[in-house]
Amino acid sequence: MGRKQKKETGSGAEYGNNPKQVRIGVAWYTSEQWRSVRDSAADPEKLEATYEEWVTVAEDALKQIAEAGVIPEKVFVDAKEFCKWCRSSGRTNEASTRAQYASVLLRDKYQEDSN
């Protein structure tokens, strides 16, 4: 009874609820959404050749982020909404823009939660 159980980590879903902890939005896709984003990317060579390969790399990235003491949070990206956001803000579908969009989605999520 005196021992604390160690919390397992991995998917990002079980990280703590401390709002002071640093969080980072990680763009996450279904296979169909990933294909659409990849097909319209200015830098498709920066994305893995298959969705399955991308998932493996992305899961590894989640673990590395968590090991660095940051909470990675998957944010699901709708390809049509992302492309619309790119057009309206004059951005190109490239790695830095995809990362920025994930940050925007995460920020919007927490702004909605606080209202």
C-alpha atoms as a PDB file:
ATOM      1  CA  MET A   1       0.000   0.000   0.000  1.00  0.00           C
ATOM      2  CA  GLY A   2       2.891   2.368   0.683  1.00  0.00           C
ATOM      3  CA  ARG A   3       4.358   1.989  -2.828  1.00  0.00           C
ATOM      4  CA  LYS A   4       3.191   4.147  -5.678  1.00  0.00           C
ATOM      5  CA  GLN A   5       2.485   2.354  -8.900  1.00  0.00           C
ATOM      6  CA  LYS A   6       4.484   3.559 -11.847  1.00  0.00           C
ATOM      7  CA  LYS A   7       2.282   4.958 -14.593  1.00  0.00           C
ATOM      8  CA  GLU A   8       2.834   3.362 -17.998  1.00  0.00           C
ATOM      9  CA  THR A   9       3.324   5.780 -20.875  1.00  0.00           C
ATOM     10  CA  GLY A  10       3.253   5.427 -24.620  1.00  0.00           C
ATOM     11  CA  SER A  11       0.238   6.617 -26.554  1.00  0.00           C
ATOM     12  CA  GLY A  12      -0.041  10.077 -25.081  1.00  0.00           C
ATOM     13  CA  ALA A  13      -3.533   9.384 -23.731  1.00  0.00           C
ATOM     14  CA  GLU A  14      -2.377   8.623 -20.193  1.00  0.00           C
ATOM     15  CA  TYR A  15      -0.280  11.698 -19.475  1.00  0.00           C
ATOM     16  CA  GLY A  16      -1.131  13.796 -16.438  1.00  0.00           C
ATOM     17  CA  ASN A  17      -3.682  16.552 -16.197  1.00  0.00           C
ATOM     18  CA  ASN A  18      -1.302  19.216 -14.891  1.00  0.00           C
ATOM     19  CA  PRO A  19      -2.062  22.263 -17.057  1.00  0.00           C
ATOM     20  CA  LYS A  20       1.362  23.729 -16.195  1.00  0.00           C
ATOM     21  CA  GLN A  21       3.169  20.911 -17.994  1.00  0.00           C
ATOM     22  CA  VAL A  22       4.427  21.726 -21.464  1.00  0.00           C
ATOM     23  CA  ARG A  23       2.417  20.082 -24.207  1.00  0.00           C
ATOM     24  CA  ILE A  24       3.145  19.807 -27.886  1.00  0.00           C
ATOM     25  CA  GLY A  25       0.622  19.044 -30.576  1.00  0.00           C
ATOM     26  CA  VAL A  26       1.589  16.177 -32.838  1.00  0.00           C
ATOM     27  CA  ALA A  27      -0.276  16.002 -36.132  1.00  0.00           C
ATOM     28  CA  TRP A  28      -2.081  12.681 -36.384  1.00  0.00           C
ATOM     29  CA  TYR A  29      -3.888  11.247 -39.356  1.00  0.00           C
ATOM     30  CA  THR A  30      -6.099   8.400 -40.417  1.00  0.00           C
ATOM     31  CA  SER A  31      -4.644   6.534 -43.385  1.00  0.00           C
ATOM     32  CA  GLU A  32      -6.963   8.394 -45.783  1.00  0.00           C
ATOM     33  CA  GLN A  33      -6.158  11.818 -44.332  1.00  0.00           C
ATOM     34  CA  TRP A  34      -2.433  11.040 -44.333  1.00  0.00           C
ATOM     35  CA  ARG A  35      -2.572  10.060 -48.009  1.00  0.00           C
ATOM     36  CA  SER A  36      -4.375  13.314 -48.888  1.00  0.00           C
ATOM     37  CA  VAL A  37      -1.886  15.432 -46.962  1.00  0.00           C
ATOM     38  CA  ARG A  38       1.054  13.556 -48.500  1.00  0.00           C
ATOM     39  CA  ASP A  39      -0.367  13.834 -52.017  1.00  0.00           C
ATOM     40  CA  SER A  40      -0.713  17.621 -51.679  1.00  0.00           C
ATOM     41  CA  ALA A  41       2.601  18.171 -49.852  1.00  0.00           C
ATOM     42  CA  ALA A  42       5.298  20.379 -51.309  1.00  0.00           C
ATOM     43  CA  ASP A  43       7.803  18.050 -49.616  1.00  0.00           C
ATOM     44  CA  PRO A  44       6.390  14.507 -49.948  1.00  0.00           C
ATOM     45  CA  GLU A  45       9.924  13.131 -49.619  1.00  0.00           C
ATOM     46  CA  LYS A  46       9.858  14.210 -45.952  1.00  0.00           C
ATOM     47  CA  LEU A  47       6.929  11.881 -45.320  1.00  0.00           C
ATOM     48  CA  GLU A  48       7.355   8.131 -45.219  1.00  0.00           C
ATOM     49  CA  ALA A  49       6.428   6.093 -48.282  1.00  0.00           C
ATOM     50  CA  THR A  50       3.510   4.348 -46.548  1.00  0.00           C
ATOM     51  CA  TYR A  51       1.061   5.182 -43.778  1.00  0.00           C
ATOM     52  CA  GLU A  52       2.280   2.194 -41.779  1.00  0.00           C
ATOM     53  CA  GLU A  53       5.859   3.469 -41.920  1.00  0.00           C
ATOM     54  CA  TRP A  54       4.662   6.922 -40.909  1.00  0.00           C
ATOM     55  CA  VAL A  55       2.820   5.510 -37.868  1.00  0.00           C
ATOM     56  CA  THR A  56       5.969   3.707 -36.725  1.00  0.00           C
ATOM     57  CA  VAL A  57       8.071   6.872 -37.019  1.00  0.00           C
ATOM     58  CA  ALA A  58       5.382   9.025 -35.390  1.00  0.00           C
ATOM     59  CA  GLU A  59       4.962   6.622 -32.440  1.00  0.00           C
ATOM     60  CA  ASP A  60       8.737   6.725 -31.897  1.00  0.00           C
ATOM     61  CA  ALA A  61       8.590  10.525 -31.954  1.00  0.00           C
ATOM     62  CA  LEU A  62       5.845  10.505 -29.301  1.00  0.00           C
ATOM     63  CA  LYS A  63       8.064   8.409 -27.045  1.00  0.00           C
ATOM     64  CA  GLN A  64      11.077  10.675 -27.571  1.00  0.00           C
ATOM     65  CA  ILE A  65       9.027  13.775 -26.814  1.00  0.00           C
ATOM     66  CA  ALA A  66       7.675  12.208 -23.616  1.00  0.00           C
ATOM     67  CA  GLU A  67      11.176  11.125 -22.560  1.00  0.00           C
ATOM     68  CA  ALA A  68      12.243  14.773 -22.908  1.00  0.00           C
ATOM     69  CA  GLY A  69       9.622  15.716 -20.315  1.00  0.00           C
ATOM     70  CA  VAL A  70       7.112  17.229 -22.725  1.00  0.00           C
ATOM     71  CA  ILE A  71       3.584  15.912 -23.094  1.00  0.00           C
ATOM     72  CA  PRO A  72       2.933  14.919 -26.719  1.00  0.00           C
ATOM     73  CA  GLU A  73      -0.698  15.208 -27.642  1.00  0.00           C
ATOM     74  CA  LYS A  74      -2.081  13.736 -30.828  1.00  0.00           C
ATOM     75  CA  VAL A  75      -4.232  16.181 -32.754  1.00  0.00           C
ATOM     76  CA  PHE A  76      -6.202  14.677 -35.585  1.00  0.00           C
ATOM     77  CA  VAL A  77      -5.844  16.533 -38.846  1.00  0.00           C
ATOM     78  CA  ASP A  78      -8.567  16.736 -41.463  1.00  0.00           C
ATOM     79  CA  ALA A  79      -6.778  17.136 -44.808  1.00  0.00           C
ATOM     80  CA  LYS A  80      -9.454  19.379 -46.336  1.00  0.00           C
ATOM     81  CA  GLU A  81      -9.460  21.704 -43.311  1.00  0.00           C
ATOM     82  CA  PHE A  82      -5.666  21.769 -43.297  1.00  0.00           C
ATOM     83  CA  CYS A  83      -5.504  22.661 -47.009  1.00  0.00           C
ATOM     84  CA  LYS A  84      -8.147  25.350 -46.491  1.00  0.00           C
ATOM     85  CA  TRP A  85      -6.104  26.782 -43.588  1.00  0.00           C
ATOM     86  CA  CYS A  86      -2.973  26.755 -45.771  1.00  0.00           C
ATOM     87  CA  ARG A  87      -4.741  28.640 -48.575  1.00  0.00           C
ATOM     88  CA  SER A  88      -6.358  31.208 -46.279  1.00  0.00           C
ATOM     89  CA  SER A  89      -3.089  31.954 -44.499  1.00  0.00           C
ATOM     90  CA  GLY A  90      -0.842  31.855 -47.576  1.00  0.00           C
ATOM     91  CA  ARG A  91       1.092  28.816 -46.397  1.00  0.00           C
ATOM     92  CA  THR A  92       2.473  25.804 -48.251  1.00  0.00           C
ATOM     93  CA  ASN A  93       1.844  22.215 -47.164  1.00  0.00           C
ATOM     94  CA  GLU A  94       5.321  21.433 -45.852  1.00  0.00           C
ATOM     95  CA  ALA A  95       6.780  19.985 -42.654  1.00  0.00           C
ATOM     96  CA  SER A  96       6.968  23.243 -40.697  1.00  0.00           C
ATOM     97  CA  THR A  97       3.428  24.187 -41.699  1.00  0.00           C
ATOM     98  CA  ARG A  98       2.070  20.795 -40.664  1.00  0.00           C
ATOM     99  CA  ALA A  99       3.758  21.200 -37.270  1.00  0.00           C
ATOM    100  CA  GLN A 100       2.416  24.724 -36.905  1.00  0.00           C
ATOM    101  CA  TYR A 101      -1.106  23.556 -37.758  1.00  0.00           C
ATOM    102  CA  ALA A 102      -0.902  20.876 -35.060  1.00  0.00           C
ATOM    103  CA  SER A 103       0.056  23.605 -32.573  1.00  0.00           C
ATOM    104  CA  VAL A 104      -2.885  25.745 -33.673  1.00  0.00           C
ATOM    105  CA  LEU A 105      -5.286  22.818 -33.256  1.00  0.00           C
ATOM    106  CA  LEU A 106      -3.943  22.064 -29.791  1.00  0.00           C
ATOM    107  CA  ARG A 107      -4.159  25.720 -28.749  1.00  0.00           C
ATOM    108  CA  ASP A 108      -7.733  25.927 -30.049  1.00  0.00           C
ATOM    109  CA  LYS A 109      -8.657  22.765 -28.164  1.00  0.00           C
ATOM    110  CA  TYR A 110      -7.490  24.172 -24.836  1.00  0.00           C
ATOM    111  CA  GLN A 111      -9.068  27.570 -25.498  1.00  0.00           C
ATOM    112  CA  GLU A 112     -12.400  25.819 -26.096  1.00  0.00           C
ATOM    113  CA  ASP A 113     -11.951  23.701 -22.959  1.00  0.00           C
ATOM    114  CA  SER A 114     -11.356  26.796 -20.809  1.00  0.00           C
ATOM    115  CA  ASN A 115     -14.530  28.543 -22.003  1.00  0.00           C
END
